[in-house]
N, C-alpha and C. Protein backbone atom coordinates (compact mmCIF):
# COMPACT_ATOMS: atom_id res chain seq x y z
N UNK A 1 -37.59 4.73 -45.88
CA UNK A 1 -36.39 4.81 -46.67
C UNK A 1 -36.06 6.27 -47.02
N UNK A 2 -37.07 7.05 -47.18
CA UNK A 2 -36.87 8.46 -47.55
C UNK A 2 -36.10 9.22 -46.46
N UNK A 3 -36.42 9.01 -45.17
CA UNK A 3 -35.67 9.75 -44.15
C UNK A 3 -34.18 9.38 -44.15
N UNK A 4 -33.87 8.10 -44.38
CA UNK A 4 -32.46 7.68 -44.40
C UNK A 4 -31.70 8.32 -45.55
N UNK A 5 -32.30 8.32 -46.73
CA UNK A 5 -31.62 8.93 -47.88
C UNK A 5 -31.48 10.43 -47.70
N UNK A 6 -32.47 11.07 -47.09
CA UNK A 6 -32.39 12.50 -46.80
C UNK A 6 -31.25 12.77 -45.81
N UNK A 7 -31.14 11.91 -44.78
CA UNK A 7 -30.08 12.06 -43.77
C UNK A 7 -28.71 11.88 -44.40
N UNK A 8 -28.54 10.87 -45.23
CA UNK A 8 -27.23 10.64 -45.86
C UNK A 8 -26.85 11.78 -46.80
N UNK A 9 -27.82 12.31 -47.54
CA UNK A 9 -27.54 13.45 -48.42
C UNK A 9 -27.16 14.69 -47.61
N UNK A 10 -27.86 14.92 -46.51
CA UNK A 10 -27.57 16.07 -45.66
C UNK A 10 -26.17 15.96 -45.06
N UNK A 11 -25.80 14.76 -44.55
CA UNK A 11 -24.47 14.55 -43.99
C UNK A 11 -23.41 14.79 -45.05
N UNK A 12 -23.62 14.26 -46.24
CA UNK A 12 -22.67 14.41 -47.33
C UNK A 12 -22.57 15.87 -47.76
N UNK A 13 -23.70 16.56 -47.81
CA UNK A 13 -23.71 17.95 -48.25
C UNK A 13 -23.00 18.87 -47.26
N UNK A 14 -23.27 18.71 -45.96
CA UNK A 14 -22.70 19.62 -44.95
C UNK A 14 -21.28 19.24 -44.51
N UNK A 15 -20.96 17.97 -44.52
CA UNK A 15 -19.64 17.55 -44.01
C UNK A 15 -18.70 17.07 -45.11
N UNK A 16 -19.23 16.65 -46.20
CA UNK A 16 -18.40 16.11 -47.27
C UNK A 16 -17.96 14.68 -46.97
N UNK A 17 -18.55 14.06 -45.93
CA UNK A 17 -18.19 12.70 -45.51
C UNK A 17 -19.30 11.72 -45.87
N UNK A 18 -18.91 10.49 -46.01
CA UNK A 18 -19.91 9.44 -46.17
C UNK A 18 -20.57 9.21 -44.81
N UNK A 19 -21.78 8.67 -44.78
CA UNK A 19 -22.44 8.41 -43.49
C UNK A 19 -21.61 7.49 -42.58
N UNK A 20 -20.93 6.50 -43.13
CA UNK A 20 -20.11 5.59 -42.32
C UNK A 20 -18.96 6.36 -41.66
N UNK A 21 -18.29 7.21 -42.42
CA UNK A 21 -17.18 8.00 -41.86
C UNK A 21 -17.71 8.97 -40.80
N UNK A 22 -18.86 9.61 -41.09
CA UNK A 22 -19.43 10.57 -40.14
C UNK A 22 -19.76 9.89 -38.80
N UNK A 23 -20.45 8.74 -38.84
CA UNK A 23 -20.84 8.06 -37.60
C UNK A 23 -19.63 7.46 -36.88
N UNK A 24 -18.59 7.09 -37.61
CA UNK A 24 -17.35 6.61 -36.98
C UNK A 24 -16.70 7.74 -36.20
N UNK A 25 -16.64 8.91 -36.80
CA UNK A 25 -16.06 10.08 -36.12
C UNK A 25 -16.88 10.44 -34.89
N UNK A 26 -18.20 10.43 -34.99
CA UNK A 26 -19.07 10.73 -33.84
C UNK A 26 -18.82 9.72 -32.71
N UNK A 27 -18.72 8.43 -33.06
CA UNK A 27 -18.48 7.39 -32.04
C UNK A 27 -17.13 7.61 -31.36
N UNK A 28 -16.10 7.94 -32.14
CA UNK A 28 -14.78 8.20 -31.56
C UNK A 28 -14.80 9.41 -30.63
N UNK A 29 -15.55 10.42 -31.01
CA UNK A 29 -15.66 11.62 -30.16
C UNK A 29 -16.34 11.27 -28.82
N UNK A 30 -17.38 10.46 -28.85
CA UNK A 30 -18.07 10.05 -27.63
C UNK A 30 -17.13 9.24 -26.73
N UNK A 31 -16.39 8.30 -27.32
CA UNK A 31 -15.45 7.49 -26.55
C UNK A 31 -14.37 8.37 -25.94
N UNK A 32 -13.83 9.30 -26.71
CA UNK A 32 -12.80 10.21 -26.20
C UNK A 32 -13.35 11.04 -25.06
N UNK A 33 -14.56 11.54 -25.20
CA UNK A 33 -15.19 12.33 -24.14
C UNK A 33 -15.31 11.50 -22.85
N UNK A 34 -15.78 10.27 -22.98
CA UNK A 34 -15.94 9.39 -21.80
C UNK A 34 -14.59 9.11 -21.13
N UNK A 35 -13.56 8.86 -21.92
CA UNK A 35 -12.23 8.57 -21.37
C UNK A 35 -11.68 9.79 -20.63
N UNK A 36 -11.79 10.96 -21.23
CA UNK A 36 -11.29 12.18 -20.60
C UNK A 36 -12.08 12.48 -19.33
N UNK A 37 -13.37 12.31 -19.34
CA UNK A 37 -14.20 12.55 -18.15
C UNK A 37 -13.84 11.59 -17.02
N UNK A 38 -13.50 10.36 -17.37
CA UNK A 38 -13.17 9.38 -16.32
C UNK A 38 -11.84 9.69 -15.65
N UNK A 39 -11.02 10.53 -16.28
CA UNK A 39 -9.72 10.89 -15.69
C UNK A 39 -9.88 11.89 -14.55
N UNK A 40 -10.98 12.56 -14.51
CA UNK A 40 -11.21 13.58 -13.50
C UNK A 40 -12.25 13.08 -12.50
N UNK A 41 -12.12 13.56 -11.26
CA UNK A 41 -13.02 13.14 -10.20
C UNK A 41 -14.15 14.15 -10.07
N UNK A 42 -15.37 13.67 -9.99
CA UNK A 42 -16.52 14.54 -9.80
C UNK A 42 -16.43 15.20 -8.42
N UNK A 43 -17.05 16.36 -8.27
CA UNK A 43 -16.95 17.13 -7.03
C UNK A 43 -17.42 16.30 -5.83
N UNK A 44 -18.53 15.60 -5.95
CA UNK A 44 -19.02 14.81 -4.80
C UNK A 44 -18.10 13.63 -4.51
N UNK A 45 -17.48 13.07 -5.56
CA UNK A 45 -16.52 11.99 -5.33
C UNK A 45 -15.27 12.53 -4.65
N UNK A 46 -14.85 13.75 -4.99
CA UNK A 46 -13.68 14.37 -4.38
C UNK A 46 -13.90 14.54 -2.88
N UNK A 47 -15.08 14.97 -2.50
CA UNK A 47 -15.40 15.14 -1.08
C UNK A 47 -15.31 13.80 -0.36
N UNK A 48 -15.82 12.74 -0.98
CA UNK A 48 -15.77 11.41 -0.37
C UNK A 48 -14.33 10.93 -0.24
N UNK A 49 -13.52 11.15 -1.27
CA UNK A 49 -12.11 10.74 -1.21
C UNK A 49 -11.38 11.53 -0.14
N UNK A 50 -11.63 12.83 -0.07
CA UNK A 50 -10.97 13.67 0.94
C UNK A 50 -11.36 13.22 2.34
N UNK A 51 -12.63 12.90 2.54
CA UNK A 51 -13.08 12.45 3.85
C UNK A 51 -12.42 11.12 4.22
N UNK A 52 -12.28 10.22 3.25
CA UNK A 52 -11.63 8.93 3.49
C UNK A 52 -10.16 9.10 3.85
N UNK A 53 -9.52 10.09 3.25
CA UNK A 53 -8.08 10.29 3.46
C UNK A 53 -7.76 11.30 4.55
N UNK A 54 -8.72 11.71 5.35
CA UNK A 54 -8.46 12.67 6.40
C UNK A 54 -7.42 12.19 7.39
N UNK A 55 -7.31 10.89 7.57
CA UNK A 55 -6.36 10.33 8.52
C UNK A 55 -4.93 10.72 8.20
N UNK A 56 -4.63 11.01 6.95
CA UNK A 56 -3.28 11.35 6.53
C UNK A 56 -2.81 12.62 7.21
N UNK A 57 -3.73 13.56 7.43
CA UNK A 57 -3.38 14.85 8.01
C UNK A 57 -3.07 14.72 9.50
N UNK A 58 -3.62 13.72 10.16
CA UNK A 58 -3.44 13.57 11.60
C UNK A 58 -1.99 13.29 11.96
N UNK A 59 -1.60 13.82 13.10
CA UNK A 59 -0.26 13.53 13.63
C UNK A 59 -0.29 12.15 14.28
N UNK A 60 0.79 11.38 14.15
CA UNK A 60 0.85 10.07 14.81
C UNK A 60 0.76 10.23 16.32
N UNK A 61 -0.02 9.35 16.95
CA UNK A 61 -0.21 9.37 18.39
C UNK A 61 0.69 8.32 19.02
N UNK A 62 1.45 8.71 20.02
CA UNK A 62 2.33 7.77 20.72
C UNK A 62 1.47 6.84 21.58
N UNK A 63 1.59 5.53 21.35
CA UNK A 63 0.80 4.55 22.09
C UNK A 63 1.57 3.97 23.28
N UNK A 64 2.88 3.91 23.18
CA UNK A 64 3.68 3.30 24.24
C UNK A 64 3.66 1.79 24.12
N UNK A 65 3.54 1.11 25.26
CA UNK A 65 3.55 -0.35 25.28
C UNK A 65 2.17 -0.90 24.92
N UNK A 66 2.16 -1.81 23.97
CA UNK A 66 0.92 -2.41 23.47
C UNK A 66 1.14 -3.91 23.33
N UNK A 67 0.13 -4.70 23.66
CA UNK A 67 0.22 -6.14 23.45
C UNK A 67 -0.12 -6.45 22.00
N UNK A 68 0.22 -7.66 21.56
CA UNK A 68 -0.08 -8.06 20.18
C UNK A 68 -1.59 -8.05 19.93
N UNK A 69 -2.37 -8.45 20.94
CA UNK A 69 -3.83 -8.46 20.80
C UNK A 69 -4.35 -7.04 20.62
N UNK A 70 -3.81 -6.09 21.38
CA UNK A 70 -4.24 -4.70 21.27
C UNK A 70 -3.82 -4.10 19.91
N UNK A 71 -2.69 -4.51 19.39
CA UNK A 71 -2.20 -4.02 18.11
C UNK A 71 -3.14 -4.42 16.97
N UNK A 72 -3.81 -5.55 17.08
CA UNK A 72 -4.69 -6.04 16.01
C UNK A 72 -5.85 -5.08 15.74
N UNK A 73 -6.20 -4.25 16.73
CA UNK A 73 -7.30 -3.28 16.54
C UNK A 73 -6.90 -2.16 15.57
N UNK A 74 -5.62 -2.06 15.25
CA UNK A 74 -5.12 -0.99 14.37
C UNK A 74 -4.79 -1.52 12.98
N UNK A 75 -5.65 -2.39 12.46
CA UNK A 75 -5.41 -3.01 11.15
C UNK A 75 -6.06 -2.26 10.00
N UNK A 76 -6.65 -1.10 10.28
CA UNK A 76 -7.27 -0.30 9.24
C UNK A 76 -8.76 -0.51 9.09
N UNK A 77 -9.33 -1.45 9.82
CA UNK A 77 -10.76 -1.70 9.71
C UNK A 77 -11.58 -0.56 10.33
N UNK A 78 -11.00 0.17 11.28
CA UNK A 78 -11.66 1.32 11.88
C UNK A 78 -10.98 2.58 11.36
N UNK A 79 -11.66 3.37 10.52
CA UNK A 79 -11.02 4.56 9.94
C UNK A 79 -10.67 5.63 10.97
N UNK A 80 -11.22 5.53 12.18
CA UNK A 80 -10.92 6.50 13.22
C UNK A 80 -9.64 6.18 13.98
N UNK A 81 -9.07 5.02 13.73
CA UNK A 81 -7.83 4.62 14.39
C UNK A 81 -6.69 4.67 13.39
N UNK A 82 -5.48 4.93 13.88
CA UNK A 82 -4.34 4.90 12.95
C UNK A 82 -4.06 3.49 12.46
N UNK A 83 -3.37 3.39 11.37
CA UNK A 83 -2.98 2.11 10.78
C UNK A 83 -1.57 1.81 11.26
N UNK A 84 -1.41 0.73 12.03
CA UNK A 84 -0.13 0.42 12.65
C UNK A 84 0.40 -0.93 12.20
N UNK A 85 1.72 -1.06 12.26
CA UNK A 85 2.40 -2.30 11.92
C UNK A 85 3.69 -2.34 12.72
N UNK A 86 4.12 -3.55 13.11
CA UNK A 86 5.33 -3.67 13.91
C UNK A 86 6.39 -4.49 13.19
N UNK A 87 7.64 -4.11 13.44
CA UNK A 87 8.80 -4.86 12.99
C UNK A 87 9.72 -5.00 14.18
N UNK A 88 10.09 -6.24 14.48
CA UNK A 88 10.97 -6.54 15.61
C UNK A 88 10.49 -5.88 16.91
N UNK A 89 9.16 -5.91 17.10
CA UNK A 89 8.57 -5.39 18.33
C UNK A 89 8.37 -3.90 18.37
N UNK A 90 8.85 -3.17 17.37
CA UNK A 90 8.70 -1.72 17.32
C UNK A 90 7.50 -1.40 16.42
N UNK A 91 6.58 -0.58 16.94
CA UNK A 91 5.33 -0.28 16.24
C UNK A 91 5.47 1.04 15.47
N UNK A 92 5.07 1.00 14.20
CA UNK A 92 5.14 2.19 13.34
C UNK A 92 3.76 2.55 12.83
N UNK A 93 3.51 3.86 12.71
CA UNK A 93 2.26 4.35 12.14
C UNK A 93 2.42 4.41 10.62
N UNK A 94 1.74 3.51 9.91
CA UNK A 94 1.85 3.42 8.46
C UNK A 94 0.59 4.00 7.78
N UNK A 95 -0.13 4.86 8.50
CA UNK A 95 -1.38 5.43 7.99
C UNK A 95 -1.20 6.15 6.67
N UNK A 96 -0.08 6.80 6.48
CA UNK A 96 0.11 7.56 5.24
C UNK A 96 0.31 6.65 4.03
N UNK A 97 0.50 5.37 4.25
CA UNK A 97 0.62 4.40 3.16
C UNK A 97 -0.58 3.46 3.16
N UNK A 98 -1.74 4.03 3.44
CA UNK A 98 -2.97 3.25 3.54
C UNK A 98 -3.24 2.45 2.27
N UNK A 99 -2.85 2.99 1.11
CA UNK A 99 -3.11 2.28 -0.15
C UNK A 99 -2.36 0.95 -0.19
N UNK A 100 -1.27 0.82 0.58
CA UNK A 100 -0.51 -0.42 0.62
C UNK A 100 -0.93 -1.30 1.80
N UNK A 101 -1.06 -0.71 3.00
CA UNK A 101 -1.29 -1.48 4.22
C UNK A 101 -2.74 -1.48 4.68
N UNK A 102 -3.58 -0.63 4.11
CA UNK A 102 -4.97 -0.57 4.51
C UNK A 102 -5.79 -1.68 3.87
N UNK A 103 -7.06 -1.79 4.27
CA UNK A 103 -7.93 -2.83 3.70
C UNK A 103 -7.94 -2.77 2.18
N UNK A 104 -7.74 -3.92 1.56
CA UNK A 104 -7.70 -4.01 0.11
C UNK A 104 -6.33 -3.75 -0.49
N UNK A 105 -5.39 -3.31 0.32
CA UNK A 105 -4.04 -3.04 -0.17
C UNK A 105 -3.23 -4.33 -0.30
N UNK A 106 -2.14 -4.29 -1.07
CA UNK A 106 -1.36 -5.51 -1.28
C UNK A 106 -0.68 -6.05 -0.02
N UNK A 107 -0.44 -5.18 0.97
CA UNK A 107 0.22 -5.62 2.21
C UNK A 107 -0.73 -5.51 3.41
N UNK A 108 -2.04 -5.53 3.16
CA UNK A 108 -3.03 -5.35 4.22
C UNK A 108 -2.91 -6.39 5.32
N UNK A 109 -2.48 -7.60 4.99
CA UNK A 109 -2.40 -8.64 6.03
C UNK A 109 -1.31 -8.35 7.06
N UNK A 110 -0.37 -7.43 6.77
CA UNK A 110 0.67 -7.07 7.73
C UNK A 110 0.18 -6.06 8.76
N UNK A 111 -0.87 -5.31 8.44
CA UNK A 111 -1.36 -4.26 9.33
C UNK A 111 -1.93 -4.84 10.62
N UNK A 112 -1.65 -4.16 11.71
CA UNK A 112 -2.13 -4.60 13.01
C UNK A 112 -1.38 -5.78 13.56
N UNK A 113 -0.20 -6.07 13.03
CA UNK A 113 0.59 -7.22 13.47
C UNK A 113 2.07 -6.89 13.48
N UNK A 114 2.83 -7.75 14.15
CA UNK A 114 4.28 -7.74 14.02
C UNK A 114 4.58 -8.70 12.89
N UNK A 115 4.99 -8.17 11.75
CA UNK A 115 5.18 -8.97 10.55
C UNK A 115 6.65 -9.26 10.29
N UNK A 116 7.47 -9.31 11.33
CA UNK A 116 8.92 -9.48 11.16
C UNK A 116 9.27 -10.72 10.36
N UNK A 117 8.74 -11.86 10.74
CA UNK A 117 9.09 -13.10 10.05
C UNK A 117 8.64 -13.08 8.59
N UNK A 118 7.42 -12.59 8.34
CA UNK A 118 6.90 -12.53 6.97
C UNK A 118 7.76 -11.61 6.11
N UNK A 119 8.20 -10.49 6.65
CA UNK A 119 9.05 -9.58 5.88
C UNK A 119 10.42 -10.19 5.61
N UNK A 120 10.99 -10.86 6.61
CA UNK A 120 12.30 -11.48 6.44
C UNK A 120 12.26 -12.57 5.39
N UNK A 121 11.16 -13.32 5.36
CA UNK A 121 11.02 -14.42 4.40
C UNK A 121 10.38 -13.98 3.09
N UNK A 122 9.94 -12.72 3.05
CA UNK A 122 9.21 -12.20 1.88
C UNK A 122 8.02 -13.11 1.62
N UNK A 123 7.26 -13.38 2.67
CA UNK A 123 6.17 -14.34 2.63
C UNK A 123 4.83 -13.67 2.90
N UNK A 124 3.79 -14.14 2.22
CA UNK A 124 2.43 -13.70 2.48
C UNK A 124 1.62 -14.80 3.15
N UNK A 125 2.29 -15.80 3.65
CA UNK A 125 1.64 -16.92 4.32
C UNK A 125 1.24 -16.47 5.73
N UNK A 126 0.00 -16.74 6.13
CA UNK A 126 -0.49 -16.28 7.43
C UNK A 126 0.29 -16.90 8.59
N UNK A 127 0.88 -18.07 8.41
CA UNK A 127 1.64 -18.68 9.51
C UNK A 127 2.94 -17.91 9.79
N UNK A 128 3.38 -17.10 8.82
CA UNK A 128 4.59 -16.30 8.99
C UNK A 128 4.31 -14.91 9.56
N UNK A 129 3.04 -14.58 9.81
CA UNK A 129 2.70 -13.28 10.37
C UNK A 129 2.94 -13.27 11.88
N UNK A 130 4.20 -13.22 12.24
CA UNK A 130 4.57 -13.26 13.64
C UNK A 130 5.85 -12.47 13.84
N UNK A 131 6.09 -12.11 15.07
CA UNK A 131 7.33 -11.41 15.42
C UNK A 131 8.45 -12.38 15.74
N UNK A 132 8.18 -13.68 15.72
CA UNK A 132 9.18 -14.69 16.04
C UNK A 132 10.18 -14.81 14.89
N UNK A 133 11.44 -14.46 15.17
CA UNK A 133 12.46 -14.51 14.12
C UNK A 133 13.49 -15.61 14.37
N UNK A 134 13.17 -16.51 15.29
CA UNK A 134 14.07 -17.63 15.57
C UNK A 134 14.21 -18.52 14.34
N UNK A 135 15.41 -19.00 14.10
CA UNK A 135 15.65 -19.92 13.01
C UNK A 135 15.84 -19.28 11.65
N UNK A 136 15.85 -17.95 11.59
CA UNK A 136 16.06 -17.29 10.31
C UNK A 136 17.55 -17.29 9.98
N UNK A 137 17.86 -17.39 8.70
CA UNK A 137 19.26 -17.38 8.26
C UNK A 137 19.82 -15.96 8.32
N UNK A 138 21.12 -15.83 8.17
CA UNK A 138 21.76 -14.52 8.20
C UNK A 138 21.25 -13.62 7.09
N UNK A 139 21.03 -14.19 5.90
CA UNK A 139 20.54 -13.38 4.78
C UNK A 139 19.09 -12.93 5.03
N UNK A 140 18.27 -13.78 5.66
CA UNK A 140 16.90 -13.40 5.98
C UNK A 140 16.88 -12.31 7.05
N UNK A 141 17.77 -12.41 8.02
CA UNK A 141 17.86 -11.36 9.04
C UNK A 141 18.34 -10.05 8.43
N UNK A 142 19.18 -10.13 7.41
CA UNK A 142 19.64 -8.93 6.72
C UNK A 142 18.49 -8.27 5.96
N UNK A 143 17.65 -9.09 5.33
CA UNK A 143 16.46 -8.56 4.64
C UNK A 143 15.55 -7.86 5.65
N UNK A 144 15.35 -8.48 6.80
CA UNK A 144 14.52 -7.89 7.85
C UNK A 144 15.12 -6.56 8.32
N UNK A 145 16.43 -6.52 8.47
CA UNK A 145 17.09 -5.29 8.91
C UNK A 145 16.88 -4.18 7.88
N UNK A 146 16.95 -4.52 6.60
CA UNK A 146 16.69 -3.53 5.55
C UNK A 146 15.27 -2.98 5.66
N UNK A 147 14.30 -3.87 5.91
CA UNK A 147 12.91 -3.43 6.10
C UNK A 147 12.82 -2.48 7.31
N UNK A 148 13.50 -2.85 8.39
CA UNK A 148 13.44 -2.02 9.59
C UNK A 148 14.01 -0.64 9.31
N UNK A 149 15.12 -0.56 8.60
CA UNK A 149 15.70 0.74 8.27
C UNK A 149 14.74 1.57 7.42
N UNK A 150 14.06 0.92 6.47
CA UNK A 150 13.09 1.63 5.63
C UNK A 150 11.96 2.19 6.48
N UNK A 151 11.47 1.38 7.41
CA UNK A 151 10.39 1.85 8.27
C UNK A 151 10.85 2.97 9.18
N UNK A 152 12.06 2.87 9.70
CA UNK A 152 12.59 3.92 10.57
C UNK A 152 12.72 5.24 9.81
N UNK A 153 13.08 5.17 8.54
CA UNK A 153 13.22 6.36 7.71
C UNK A 153 11.88 6.98 7.36
N UNK A 154 10.91 6.14 7.01
CA UNK A 154 9.66 6.61 6.42
C UNK A 154 8.54 6.88 7.42
N UNK A 155 8.47 6.10 8.50
CA UNK A 155 7.32 6.17 9.40
C UNK A 155 7.75 6.56 10.82
N UNK A 156 6.77 7.04 11.57
CA UNK A 156 7.00 7.44 12.96
C UNK A 156 6.78 6.23 13.86
N UNK A 157 7.75 5.98 14.74
CA UNK A 157 7.61 4.91 15.73
C UNK A 157 6.67 5.42 16.82
N UNK A 158 5.63 4.63 17.12
CA UNK A 158 4.62 5.08 18.07
C UNK A 158 4.51 4.20 19.31
N UNK A 159 5.30 3.14 19.37
CA UNK A 159 5.22 2.27 20.54
C UNK A 159 6.03 1.01 20.35
N UNK A 160 5.82 0.08 21.27
CA UNK A 160 6.49 -1.21 21.17
C UNK A 160 5.58 -2.28 21.72
N UNK A 161 5.81 -3.50 21.26
CA UNK A 161 5.00 -4.63 21.71
C UNK A 161 5.57 -5.18 23.00
N UNK A 162 4.68 -5.43 23.95
CA UNK A 162 5.05 -6.08 25.21
C UNK A 162 4.33 -7.41 25.28
N UNK A 163 4.88 -8.32 26.07
CA UNK A 163 4.28 -9.65 26.14
C UNK A 163 2.89 -9.62 26.75
N UNK A 164 2.70 -8.85 27.83
CA UNK A 164 1.37 -8.69 28.42
C UNK A 164 1.36 -7.46 29.29
N UNK A 165 0.19 -6.95 29.56
CA UNK A 165 0.01 -5.74 30.37
C UNK A 165 0.28 -6.06 31.84
N UNK A 166 0.51 -5.02 32.64
CA UNK A 166 0.65 -5.18 34.08
C UNK A 166 -0.63 -5.80 34.62
N UNK A 167 -0.47 -6.87 35.42
CA UNK A 167 -1.62 -7.59 35.94
C UNK A 167 -1.76 -7.38 37.43
N UNK A 168 -2.95 -7.60 37.93
CA UNK A 168 -3.21 -7.55 39.36
C UNK A 168 -3.16 -8.98 39.90
N UNK A 169 -2.39 -9.21 40.97
CA UNK A 169 -2.42 -10.54 41.58
C UNK A 169 -3.51 -10.57 42.64
N UNK A 170 -3.67 -11.68 43.33
CA UNK A 170 -4.75 -11.85 44.30
C UNK A 170 -4.70 -10.84 45.44
N UNK A 171 -3.52 -10.39 45.83
CA UNK A 171 -3.40 -9.46 46.94
C UNK A 171 -3.74 -8.04 46.51
N UNK A 172 -3.63 -7.75 45.23
CA UNK A 172 -3.93 -6.42 44.75
C UNK A 172 -2.68 -5.64 44.40
N UNK A 173 -1.50 -6.23 44.56
CA UNK A 173 -0.27 -5.55 44.18
C UNK A 173 -0.05 -5.71 42.69
N UNK A 174 0.53 -4.68 42.08
CA UNK A 174 0.82 -4.79 40.66
C UNK A 174 2.05 -5.64 40.44
N UNK A 175 1.95 -6.52 39.45
CA UNK A 175 3.07 -7.38 39.09
C UNK A 175 3.53 -6.95 37.71
N UNK A 176 4.80 -6.57 37.57
CA UNK A 176 5.35 -6.14 36.29
C UNK A 176 5.50 -7.36 35.38
N UNK A 177 5.10 -7.28 34.12
CA UNK A 177 5.28 -8.42 33.22
C UNK A 177 6.77 -8.70 33.03
N UNK A 178 7.07 -9.97 32.79
CA UNK A 178 8.48 -10.33 32.61
C UNK A 178 8.96 -9.80 31.28
N UNK A 179 10.17 -9.25 31.27
CA UNK A 179 10.77 -8.73 30.05
C UNK A 179 11.95 -9.62 29.72
N UNK A 180 12.07 -9.97 28.47
CA UNK A 180 13.13 -10.87 28.06
C UNK A 180 14.43 -10.11 27.86
N UNK A 181 15.50 -10.61 28.44
CA UNK A 181 16.83 -10.06 28.23
C UNK A 181 17.69 -11.22 27.79
N UNK A 182 18.09 -11.19 26.54
CA UNK A 182 18.85 -12.33 26.01
C UNK A 182 17.96 -13.55 26.01
N UNK A 183 18.42 -14.64 26.65
CA UNK A 183 17.63 -15.87 26.71
C UNK A 183 16.97 -16.05 28.07
N UNK A 184 17.29 -15.19 29.03
CA UNK A 184 16.72 -15.32 30.36
C UNK A 184 15.70 -14.23 30.60
N UNK A 185 14.67 -14.53 31.35
CA UNK A 185 13.69 -13.51 31.68
C UNK A 185 14.19 -12.71 32.87
N UNK A 186 13.61 -11.54 33.08
CA UNK A 186 13.99 -10.67 34.19
C UNK A 186 13.77 -11.40 35.51
N UNK A 187 12.71 -12.21 35.59
CA UNK A 187 12.42 -12.94 36.83
C UNK A 187 13.55 -13.91 37.16
N UNK A 188 14.05 -14.63 36.14
CA UNK A 188 15.13 -15.58 36.38
C UNK A 188 16.39 -14.89 36.85
N UNK A 189 16.69 -13.72 36.28
CA UNK A 189 17.88 -12.98 36.68
C UNK A 189 17.74 -12.52 38.12
N UNK A 190 16.54 -12.03 38.48
CA UNK A 190 16.30 -11.57 39.86
C UNK A 190 16.43 -12.71 40.83
N UNK A 191 15.86 -13.89 40.49
CA UNK A 191 15.96 -15.03 41.37
C UNK A 191 17.43 -15.46 41.54
N UNK A 192 18.19 -15.38 40.46
CA UNK A 192 19.62 -15.75 40.53
C UNK A 192 20.37 -14.80 41.43
N UNK A 193 20.02 -13.50 41.41
CA UNK A 193 20.70 -12.52 42.27
C UNK A 193 20.34 -12.74 43.74
N UNK A 194 19.09 -13.13 44.00
CA UNK A 194 18.67 -13.38 45.39
C UNK A 194 19.37 -14.60 45.96
N UNK A 195 19.67 -15.57 45.11
CA UNK A 195 20.30 -16.79 45.59
C UNK A 195 21.75 -16.57 45.96
N UNK A 196 22.38 -15.52 45.38
CA UNK A 196 23.81 -15.27 45.64
C UNK A 196 24.06 -14.72 47.00
């Protein structure tokens, strides 16, 4: 009991405060110190954050024609690859918005995919993660167009989605994949021209 009474007398003598007021002020100072320290990043944490964000400095690499399966590899799971996303078959490098489209981001499920339908419908449903925009209303297509304009303004276009890569047939000649023009494929148009 003697040490406590000595401590309270000493606190009162030197500070003019009651022990309760003194310890409350000390606790507030510790909390304030912790809050202010948490606002700043430690040097070793800064190095880790800088290393994680190195991709931002890289220039976008032009990929050209890519299949949907190949695009999935650019979903942000590999930090050495750019973060890509497609709208209406056009692929954009969204690496600089990794906090939104990268792993753990609110729009991470759109990365590595053509998310046209999901953007038009403002949907996070996995069944809408497709480039198929058939059956969308005029207002939904307008929403999609707004998204496309935003992407064209903000991000670099690095390629486009193709249905499949050039394949080798049994003879060894290269066969160009069919490209859709309107509702008819290039093959159908060619066959129609040969028949004339």
